[in-house]
Amino acid sequence: MKEVKIIDHSDKKAFLLETAHQLFSENGFDATSVRMIAEKAGMNVAMISYYFGSKEKLFEELLVGKTNYMREQLTAIVENKDLDPWSKIELMIDGYSDRILTSGGSLHKLMMREVSLKQRTEISNLIEKRIMFNLKAVHEIIVEGIKKKVFVHNIDFPMLMSTLIGTLTQTVTSDSMFFRFENVDGKKHTKKIDVNEVSKRVKKHLKRVFARYLLIHPEKYNY
């Protein structure tokens, strides 16, 4: 599940960010040196110091830039008064699935690794703040649904979000395991796993789970 990027080489800073993203995804943060980034980008090491100051600051700017889209998307969903709470949940699930699965999940895997290891306090704190902003946005949707009597009131929000993120993380980090799940019936399924098809299946699965858990009248929806 590889992410394909078209990069404007005339924007040296953006090119360095995308080059670093690629190398971080392939090798991890620690195994990727500033020299490796500069060499792959065809630039002098001094350019990284000029634009970012350090590898850590480069990574932080990469994280902020890459997570802004989901933050803005969730904010727009929450503030959209034309959408009912369940439609907002559907769009939220679509947004998370598209950002994590169809992109190949490289940034998501980097973020989860940094949060779990906590080797770099500033970076892990930054990631946690970005995650918490998104979680609060989803929580607003849940509260709205409860107030409008669309959702049940006894919702375990941490477990609900763990179900969402856990499902997406497991799928994107263990595509080989996903293939084994496909073959659990003993038959050999040789069809190549298509990322778009997997994304559709994950979205449908998550919406079915969320509908059964959240909705007072899930029978009204085709899940």
C-alpha atoms as a PDB file:
ATOM      1  CA  MET A   1       0.000   0.000   0.000  1.00  0.00           C
ATOM      2  CA  LYS A   2       2.275   2.740  -1.271  1.00  0.00           C
ATOM      3  CA  GLU A   3       1.456   6.418  -1.367  1.00  0.00           C
ATOM      4  CA  VAL A   4       2.186   8.070  -4.720  1.00  0.00           C
ATOM      5  CA  LYS A   5       3.118  11.750  -4.656  1.00  0.00           C
ATOM      6  CA  ILE A   6       3.643  14.282  -7.409  1.00  0.00           C
ATOM      7  CA  ILE A   7       6.153  16.777  -6.031  1.00  0.00           C
ATOM      8  CA  ASP A   8       7.001  20.215  -7.343  1.00  0.00           C
ATOM      9  CA  HIS A   9      10.800  20.186  -7.273  1.00  0.00           C
ATOM     10  CA  SER A  10      10.893  23.974  -7.570  1.00  0.00           C
ATOM     11  CA  ASP A  11       9.637  24.243  -3.984  1.00  0.00           C
ATOM     12  CA  LYS A  12      12.762  23.049  -2.200  1.00  0.00           C
ATOM     13  CA  LYS A  13      11.247  23.081   1.285  1.00  0.00           C
ATOM     14  CA  ALA A  14       8.208  21.033   0.215  1.00  0.00           C
ATOM     15  CA  PHE A  15      10.484  18.640  -1.677  1.00  0.00           C
ATOM     16  CA  LEU A  16      12.635  18.117   1.402  1.00  0.00           C
ATOM     17  CA  LEU A  17       9.523  17.394   3.480  1.00  0.00           C
ATOM     18  CA  GLU A  18       8.243  14.799   1.011  1.00  0.00           C
ATOM     19  CA  THR A  19      11.689  13.237   0.664  1.00  0.00           C
ATOM     20  CA  ALA A  20      11.975  12.993   4.443  1.00  0.00           C
ATOM     21  CA  HIS A  21       8.471  11.509   4.631  1.00  0.00           C
ATOM     22  CA  GLN A  22       9.469   8.800   2.175  1.00  0.00           C
ATOM     23  CA  LEU A  23      12.667   7.950   4.035  1.00  0.00           C
ATOM     24  CA  PHE A  24      11.039   8.067   7.472  1.00  0.00           C
ATOM     25  CA  SER A  25       8.376   5.678   6.163  1.00  0.00           C
ATOM     26  CA  GLU A  26      10.940   3.277   4.734  1.00  0.00           C
ATOM     27  CA  ASN A  27      13.568   3.364   7.491  1.00  0.00           C
ATOM     28  CA  GLY A  28      11.967   4.918  10.565  1.00  0.00           C
ATOM     29  CA  PHE A  29      12.921   8.231  12.144  1.00  0.00           C
ATOM     30  CA  ASP A  30      16.077   7.080  13.953  1.00  0.00           C
ATOM     31  CA  ALA A  31      17.559   5.218  10.981  1.00  0.00           C
ATOM     32  CA  THR A  32      17.064   8.195   8.654  1.00  0.00           C
ATOM     33  CA  SER A  33      19.876  10.726   8.851  1.00  0.00           C
ATOM     34  CA  VAL A  34      19.878  14.341   7.733  1.00  0.00           C
ATOM     35  CA  ARG A  35      22.560  13.405   5.203  1.00  0.00           C
ATOM     36  CA  MET A  36      20.334  10.678   3.728  1.00  0.00           C
ATOM     37  CA  ILE A  37      17.491  13.168   3.276  1.00  0.00           C
ATOM     38  CA  ALA A  38      19.751  15.740   1.662  1.00  0.00           C
ATOM     39  CA  GLU A  39      21.385  13.215  -0.682  1.00  0.00           C
ATOM     40  CA  LYS A  40      18.081  11.763  -1.837  1.00  0.00           C
ATOM     41  CA  ALA A  41      16.697  15.265  -2.407  1.00  0.00           C
ATOM     42  CA  GLY A  42      19.839  16.234  -4.284  1.00  0.00           C
ATOM     43  CA  MET A  43      20.582  19.120  -1.931  1.00  0.00           C
ATOM     44  CA  ASN A  44      23.204  20.229   0.542  1.00  0.00           C
ATOM     45  CA  VAL A  45      22.796  19.247   4.202  1.00  0.00           C
ATOM     46  CA  ALA A  46      22.883  22.950   5.040  1.00  0.00           C
ATOM     47  CA  MET A  47      19.507  23.373   3.299  1.00  0.00           C
ATOM     48  CA  ILE A  48      17.835  21.286   6.016  1.00  0.00           C
ATOM     49  CA  SER A  49      19.371  23.461   8.716  1.00  0.00           C
ATOM     50  CA  TYR A  50      18.306  26.558   6.787  1.00  0.00           C
ATOM     51  CA  TYR A  51      14.668  25.520   6.382  1.00  0.00           C
ATOM     52  CA  PHE A  52      14.075  23.528   9.575  1.00  0.00           C
ATOM     53  CA  GLY A  53      16.987  23.800  11.998  1.00  0.00           C
ATOM     54  CA  SER A  54      17.095  20.071  12.780  1.00  0.00           C
ATOM     55  CA  LYS A  55      15.713  16.677  11.805  1.00  0.00           C
ATOM     56  CA  GLU A  56      13.297  16.826  14.745  1.00  0.00           C
ATOM     57  CA  LYS A  57      11.920  20.210  13.642  1.00  0.00           C
ATOM     58  CA  LEU A  58      11.602  18.906  10.091  1.00  0.00           C
ATOM     59  CA  PHE A  59       9.577  15.972  11.405  1.00  0.00           C
ATOM     60  CA  GLU A  60       7.376  18.279  13.469  1.00  0.00           C
ATOM     61  CA  GLU A  61       6.627  20.462  10.437  1.00  0.00           C
ATOM     62  CA  LEU A  62       5.894  17.343   8.399  1.00  0.00           C
ATOM     63  CA  LEU A  63       3.425  16.143  11.046  1.00  0.00           C
ATOM     64  CA  VAL A  64       1.621  19.477  11.259  1.00  0.00           C
ATOM     65  CA  GLY A  65       1.340  19.809   7.487  1.00  0.00           C
ATOM     66  CA  LYS A  66       0.122  16.255   6.958  1.00  0.00           C
ATOM     67  CA  THR A  67      -2.430  16.319   9.792  1.00  0.00           C
ATOM     68  CA  ASN A  68      -3.930  19.718   8.956  1.00  0.00           C
ATOM     69  CA  TYR A  69      -6.234  18.259   6.309  1.00  0.00           C
ATOM     70  CA  MET A  70      -8.005  15.872   8.699  1.00  0.00           C
ATOM     71  CA  ARG A  71      -8.249  18.590  11.342  1.00  0.00           C
ATOM     72  CA  GLU A  72      -9.868  21.001   8.862  1.00  0.00           C
ATOM     73  CA  GLN A  73     -12.139  18.282   7.493  1.00  0.00           C
ATOM     74  CA  LEU A  74     -13.418  17.318  10.946  1.00  0.00           C
ATOM     75  CA  THR A  75     -13.957  20.962  11.888  1.00  0.00           C
ATOM     76  CA  ALA A  76     -16.026  21.474   8.733  1.00  0.00           C
ATOM     77  CA  ILE A  77     -18.086  18.357   9.484  1.00  0.00           C
ATOM     78  CA  VAL A  78     -18.794  19.422  13.074  1.00  0.00           C
ATOM     79  CA  GLU A  79     -19.823  22.932  12.038  1.00  0.00           C
ATOM     80  CA  ASN A  80     -22.036  21.836   9.123  1.00  0.00           C
ATOM     81  CA  LYS A  81     -25.596  22.538  10.292  1.00  0.00           C
ATOM     82  CA  ASP A  82     -27.117  20.816   7.247  1.00  0.00           C
ATOM     83  CA  LEU A  83     -25.848  17.402   8.331  1.00  0.00           C
ATOM     84  CA  ASP A  84     -27.517  15.171  10.914  1.00  0.00           C
ATOM     85  CA  PRO A  85     -25.246  13.525  13.542  1.00  0.00           C
ATOM     86  CA  TRP A  86     -25.198  10.125  11.843  1.00  0.00           C
ATOM     87  CA  SER A  87     -24.202  11.635   8.476  1.00  0.00           C
ATOM     88  CA  LYS A  88     -21.351  13.369  10.299  1.00  0.00           C
ATOM     89  CA  ILE A  89     -20.205  10.046  11.742  1.00  0.00           C
ATOM     90  CA  GLU A  90     -20.265   8.484   8.282  1.00  0.00           C
ATOM     91  CA  LEU A  91     -18.156  11.308   6.867  1.00  0.00           C
ATOM     92  CA  MET A  92     -15.772  11.040   9.808  1.00  0.00           C
ATOM     93  CA  ILE A  93     -15.272   7.319   9.162  1.00  0.00           C
ATOM     94  CA  ASP A  94     -14.762   7.988   5.443  1.00  0.00           C
ATOM     95  CA  GLY A  95     -12.237  10.702   6.233  1.00  0.00           C
ATOM     96  CA  TYR A  96     -10.167   8.595   8.611  1.00  0.00           C
ATOM     97  CA  SER A  97     -10.258   5.585   6.271  1.00  0.00           C
ATOM     98  CA  ASP A  98      -9.210   7.607   3.241  1.00  0.00           C
ATOM     99  CA  ARG A  99      -6.379   9.375   5.046  1.00  0.00           C
ATOM    100  CA  ILE A 100      -4.968   6.227   6.629  1.00  0.00           C
ATOM    101  CA  LEU A 101      -5.727   3.394   4.212  1.00  0.00           C
ATOM    102  CA  THR A 102      -5.665   4.806   0.692  1.00  0.00           C
ATOM    103  CA  SER A 103      -2.509   6.818   1.461  1.00  0.00           C
ATOM    104  CA  GLY A 104      -0.687   3.655   2.484  1.00  0.00           C
ATOM    105  CA  GLY A 105      -0.699   4.635   6.140  1.00  0.00           C
ATOM    106  CA  SER A 106       2.951   5.677   6.227  1.00  0.00           C
ATOM    107  CA  LEU A 107       2.376   8.795   8.340  1.00  0.00           C
ATOM    108  CA  HIS A 108      -0.090   7.024  10.614  1.00  0.00           C
ATOM    109  CA  LYS A 109       2.423   4.274  11.348  1.00  0.00           C
ATOM    110  CA  LEU A 110       5.123   6.839  12.115  1.00  0.00           C
ATOM    111  CA  MET A 111       2.799   8.692  14.475  1.00  0.00           C
ATOM    112  CA  MET A 112       1.684   5.561  16.312  1.00  0.00           C
ATOM    113  CA  ARG A 113       5.299   4.495  16.745  1.00  0.00           C
ATOM    114  CA  GLU A 114       6.328   7.867  18.179  1.00  0.00           C
ATOM    115  CA  VAL A 115       3.376   7.964  20.588  1.00  0.00           C
ATOM    116  CA  SER A 116       3.989   4.421  21.816  1.00  0.00           C
ATOM    117  CA  LEU A 117       7.758   4.774  22.289  1.00  0.00           C
ATOM    118  CA  LYS A 118       7.766   8.353  23.641  1.00  0.00           C
ATOM    119  CA  GLN A 119      11.480   8.708  22.879  1.00  0.00           C
ATOM    120  CA  ARG A 120      11.082  12.311  21.743  1.00  0.00           C
ATOM    121  CA  THR A 121       8.897  14.221  24.201  1.00  0.00           C
ATOM    122  CA  GLU A 122       8.210  17.259  22.019  1.00  0.00           C
ATOM    123  CA  ILE A 123       7.227  15.149  19.020  1.00  0.00           C
ATOM    124  CA  SER A 124       5.038  12.727  20.988  1.00  0.00           C
ATOM    125  CA  ASN A 125       3.350  15.667  22.749  1.00  0.00           C
ATOM    126  CA  LEU A 126       2.697  17.335  19.389  1.00  0.00           C
ATOM    127  CA  ILE A 127       1.143  14.145  18.006  1.00  0.00           C
ATOM    128  CA  GLU A 128      -1.019  13.684  21.095  1.00  0.00           C
ATOM    129  CA  LYS A 129      -2.278  17.283  20.806  1.00  0.00           C
ATOM    130  CA  ARG A 130      -3.180  16.755  17.144  1.00  0.00           C
ATOM    131  CA  ILE A 131      -4.964  13.503  17.995  1.00  0.00           C
ATOM    132  CA  MET A 132      -6.835  15.074  20.920  1.00  0.00           C
ATOM    133  CA  PHE A 133      -8.093  17.918  18.732  1.00  0.00           C
ATOM    134  CA  ASN A 134      -9.621  15.359  16.360  1.00  0.00           C
ATOM    135  CA  LEU A 135     -11.050  13.269  19.192  1.00  0.00           C
ATOM    136  CA  LYS A 136     -12.744  16.319  20.688  1.00  0.00           C
ATOM    137  CA  ALA A 137     -14.313  17.068  17.308  1.00  0.00           C
ATOM    138  CA  VAL A 138     -15.721  13.527  17.090  1.00  0.00           C
ATOM    139  CA  HIS A 139     -16.904  13.790  20.693  1.00  0.00           C
ATOM    140  CA  GLU A 140     -18.870  16.922  19.769  1.00  0.00           C
ATOM    141  CA  ILE A 141     -20.683  14.914  17.105  1.00  0.00           C
ATOM    142  CA  ILE A 142     -21.493  12.187  19.637  1.00  0.00           C
ATOM    143  CA  VAL A 143     -22.828  14.731  22.151  1.00  0.00           C
ATOM    144  CA  GLU A 144     -24.944  16.352  19.448  1.00  0.00           C
ATOM    145  CA  GLY A 145     -26.389  12.952  18.496  1.00  0.00           C
ATOM    146  CA  ILE A 146     -27.275  12.198  22.118  1.00  0.00           C
ATOM    147  CA  LYS A 147     -28.951  15.599  22.583  1.00  0.00           C
ATOM    148  CA  LYS A 148     -30.985  15.121  19.413  1.00  0.00           C
ATOM    149  CA  LYS A 149     -31.965  11.611  20.585  1.00  0.00           C
ATOM    150  CA  VAL A 150     -30.387   9.988  17.559  1.00  0.00           C
ATOM    151  CA  PHE A 151     -27.691   8.185  19.573  1.00  0.00           C
ATOM    152  CA  VAL A 152     -28.022   6.145  22.758  1.00  0.00           C
ATOM    153  CA  HIS A 153     -26.801   7.917  25.885  1.00  0.00           C
ATOM    154  CA  ASN A 154     -24.551   5.227  27.451  1.00  0.00           C
ATOM    155  CA  ILE A 155     -21.654   5.442  24.995  1.00  0.00           C
ATOM    156  CA  ASP A 156     -18.126   4.408  25.971  1.00  0.00           C
ATOM    157  CA  PHE A 157     -16.321   6.995  23.853  1.00  0.00           C
ATOM    158  CA  PRO A 158     -12.725   5.803  24.496  1.00  0.00           C
ATOM    159  CA  MET A 159     -13.651   2.253  23.473  1.00  0.00           C
ATOM    160  CA  LEU A 160     -15.530   3.504  20.423  1.00  0.00           C
ATOM    161  CA  MET A 161     -12.518   5.470  19.180  1.00  0.00           C
ATOM    162  CA  SER A 162     -10.207   2.576  20.026  1.00  0.00           C
ATOM    163  CA  THR A 163     -12.372   0.442  17.757  1.00  0.00           C
ATOM    164  CA  LEU A 164     -12.015   2.976  14.936  1.00  0.00           C
ATOM    165  CA  ILE A 165      -8.282   3.635  15.228  1.00  0.00           C
ATOM    166  CA  GLY A 166      -7.471   0.047  16.161  1.00  0.00           C
ATOM    167  CA  THR A 167      -9.256  -1.345  13.109  1.00  0.00           C
ATOM    168  CA  LEU A 168      -7.556   1.096  10.746  1.00  0.00           C
ATOM    169  CA  THR A 169      -4.139   0.608  12.347  1.00  0.00           C
ATOM    170  CA  GLN A 170      -4.356  -3.188  12.241  1.00  0.00           C
ATOM    171  CA  THR A 171      -5.457  -3.132   8.620  1.00  0.00           C
ATOM    172  CA  VAL A 172      -2.784  -0.757   7.362  1.00  0.00           C
ATOM    173  CA  THR A 173       0.128  -2.171   9.354  1.00  0.00           C
ATOM    174  CA  SER A 174      -0.639  -5.862   8.820  1.00  0.00           C
ATOM    175  CA  ASP A 175      -1.700  -6.283   5.203  1.00  0.00           C
ATOM    176  CA  SER A 176      -0.025  -9.708   5.185  1.00  0.00           C
ATOM    177  CA  MET A 177      -2.146 -10.676   8.189  1.00  0.00           C
ATOM    178  CA  PHE A 178      -5.212  -9.374   6.365  1.00  0.00           C
ATOM    179  CA  PHE A 179      -4.380 -11.766   3.536  1.00  0.00           C
ATOM    180  CA  ARG A 180      -4.168 -14.643   6.040  1.00  0.00           C
ATOM    181  CA  PHE A 181      -7.601 -13.673   7.377  1.00  0.00           C
ATOM    182  CA  GLU A 182      -8.876 -13.916   3.801  1.00  0.00           C
ATOM    183  CA  ASN A 183      -7.627 -17.504   3.646  1.00  0.00           C
ATOM    184  CA  VAL A 184      -8.940 -18.633   7.025  1.00  0.00           C
ATOM    185  CA  ASP A 185     -11.603 -20.802   5.338  1.00  0.00           C
ATOM    186  CA  GLY A 186      -8.842 -23.066   4.019  1.00  0.00           C
ATOM    187  CA  LYS A 187      -9.359 -22.047   0.414  1.00  0.00           C
ATOM    188  CA  LYS A 188      -6.558 -20.313  -1.458  1.00  0.00           C
ATOM    189  CA  HIS A 189      -7.616 -16.796  -2.325  1.00  0.00           C
ATOM    190  CA  THR A 190      -4.949 -15.661  -4.745  1.00  0.00           C
ATOM    191  CA  LYS A 191      -6.639 -12.422  -5.750  1.00  0.00           C
ATOM    192  CA  LYS A 192      -4.337  -9.475  -5.093  1.00  0.00           C
ATOM    193  CA  ILE A 193      -5.513  -7.257  -2.253  1.00  0.00           C
ATOM    194  CA  ASP A 194      -6.572  -3.917  -3.717  1.00  0.00           C
ATOM    195  CA  VAL A 195      -6.215  -0.965  -1.327  1.00  0.00           C
ATOM    196  CA  ASN A 196      -9.363   0.752  -2.614  1.00  0.00           C
ATOM    197  CA  GLU A 197     -11.388  -2.421  -2.201  1.00  0.00           C
ATOM    198  CA  VAL A 198     -10.040  -2.926   1.319  1.00  0.00           C
ATOM    199  CA  SER A 199     -10.894   0.691   2.144  1.00  0.00           C
ATOM    200  CA  LYS A 200     -14.491   0.159   0.998  1.00  0.00           C
ATOM    201  CA  ARG A 201     -14.771  -2.974   3.136  1.00  0.00           C
ATOM    202  CA  VAL A 202     -13.307  -1.254   6.197  1.00  0.00           C
ATOM    203  CA  LYS A 203     -15.674   1.724   5.818  1.00  0.00           C
ATOM    204  CA  LYS A 204     -18.675  -0.583   5.517  1.00  0.00           C
ATOM    205  CA  HIS A 205     -17.557  -2.635   8.524  1.00  0.00           C
ATOM    206  CA  LEU A 206     -16.940   0.409  10.726  1.00  0.00           C
ATOM    207  CA  LYS A 207     -20.238   2.035   9.782  1.00  0.00           C
ATOM    208  CA  ARG A 208     -22.068  -1.186  10.600  1.00  0.00           C
ATOM    209  CA  VAL A 209     -20.345  -1.400  13.992  1.00  0.00           C
ATOM    210  CA  PHE A 210     -20.927   2.280  14.780  1.00  0.00           C
ATOM    211  CA  ALA A 211     -24.563   2.111  13.664  1.00  0.00           C
ATOM    212  CA  ARG A 212     -25.311  -0.857  15.918  1.00  0.00           C
ATOM    213  CA  TYR A 213     -23.544   0.778  18.865  1.00  0.00           C
ATOM    214  CA  LEU A 214     -24.610   4.422  18.508  1.00  0.00           C
ATOM    215  CA  LEU A 215     -28.014   4.585  16.894  1.00  0.00           C
ATOM    216  CA  ILE A 216     -31.238   4.315  18.833  1.00  0.00           C
ATOM    217  CA  HIS A 217     -32.899   2.976  15.661  1.00  0.00           C
ATOM    218  CA  PRO A 218     -30.157   1.272  13.612  1.00  0.00           C
ATOM    219  CA  GLU A 219     -32.785  -0.609  11.626  1.00  0.00           C
ATOM    220  CA  LYS A 220     -33.490   2.613   9.715  1.00  0.00           C
ATOM    221  CA  TYR A 221     -30.073   2.413   8.088  1.00  0.00           C
ATOM    222  CA  ASN A 222     -28.877  -0.119   5.543  1.00  0.00           C
ATOM    223  CA  TYR A 223     -25.979  -1.612   7.500  1.00  0.00           C
END
